[in-house]
Amino acid sequence: MVDQQRGFREYYVKGDVAGHSGGHDWKVGADGVFSNVNEKLHYVVTDLQQFDPGTAAHFAFSGTGYERDQALFAQDEVHLGTWNVAGRLRFDHYKLELDETAWSPRIGISKYFDAAGVLVHASYDRIFETPAIENLLLASSPQVQAVGDSILRFPVAPARANFYEIGASKAFAAVLSLDVNVYKRQFKNFPDDDVLLDTGVSFPIALAHATVRGAEAKLQLRSFHRTSGFLSYTNQSGTAQGPITGGLLLGSEAVAPISAADSFSISQDQRNTATARANYQVNKRFWAGAGATYASGLPTDLSASDVNYASLLAQYGPQVVGKVNFARGRVRPSFALNFSAGWQLYVRENKSVSVQAQVANVLDRVNVINFEGLFSGTAIAPGRGVSVQIRSAF
């Protein structure tokens, strides 16, 4: 049994100055985020046989912290006929459990080819990503040593990454557009999350290196005979390289941690993802739509050779276990169909009242997102659900 309370109070400030000169659009500025964080957690284990020897039967934690994120930036965009060049330089300072800084440049180039009606673009972006704040104090505290006999703790450093992208866009007859992109992302201190003793309590970790590659395409229909919609597809792969450079390792993970020789799939390694959506404007006030999503399945840390089916069936049930392909080491594909509709009840000048209803996962299909993932544990998508929203603007 786990009881957890987390909260934070955040203050944000930003200022910038922008201008235009010749073919240049420039901007300089600064921003800052200041957060007061507090975390409390208490757990009681009712059956110690389910955990590693030496696991504490109960544990309590309380902590506070002060996160500081400040940044300075300068950017310029130059228009040269059918060419467009954009550059940016950003300086970041982060302080919570660690105190780190980073310079992050970005360059983007695009060209429009009139004869073909195609816009081609390429970009490079240096990324500085701070750790997730969720349970970071818990994972970084010496108090967590009391959870068990085998504990390893490493401070979670911000991720640093290089993003590369090239793509093209084309419009057809002013109502249809196609966007295609190919990308590669290389990470140092790749951010992920792990779970505490098979509970729903997650905390950030970092892996030495990771690479994500992918290609995506989106076909969009703008309003055409009252109909609009889009179809998108992404093919993506992701692998990480050990060791773990930040976070909390418990039990067997601490006794035999991931080494520098270990390479494995990560939660971004979903090879095929497709989404479709169509809306129809029945009249000025009423619209209806339908959407569908498909995902080919994320990797799982269990293989056919080390599966205890009886234990898994007792814990999750046949509906969930049946959604895992242990021979491939992946969750089986998921699919969800959604319906929605909206009605504008009242409109006058700048005042309006509207209602929107949605039925999610209409087929009430059991969709498993993660199953016994290396760090992410098990997650199941919600079943059929109905929601109604009333919106008012004035």
Foldseek 3Di string as FASTA:
>chain_A
DKDKDKDKDKDKDKDKDWDDDDQKTKMKIKMKMKMKIKIKMKDAAPDCVLDFPFFDRIAIDIDIKMKIKMKIKMKMWGDDPQKIKIKMWMKIWIDIPDTDIDIKIKIKMWGADVVQQKIKIKMKIKDWAAADPQCLCVQQDPRCCNRGVFKDFAAQHTKIKMKIKIWMKHDDPVFKIKIKMWIKMKIAQQWDWFADPLDPRIGIWTFGIKMKTKMKMKMWGHQDQQKTKIKMKMAMWMKTAHDTRGTMADDPCRVDPGHRPDMDTDLRGFGMKMKIKMKGDPDPFKIKIKMKIKTQWDAAPAAPVPDPVVVCCVVPNPLQVVQADRPVRTGGMDMKMKIKMKGWPDDDDFKTKMKMKMWIRVVQHWAWHYDNHPGPHTDTDDGIDMDMDMDITD
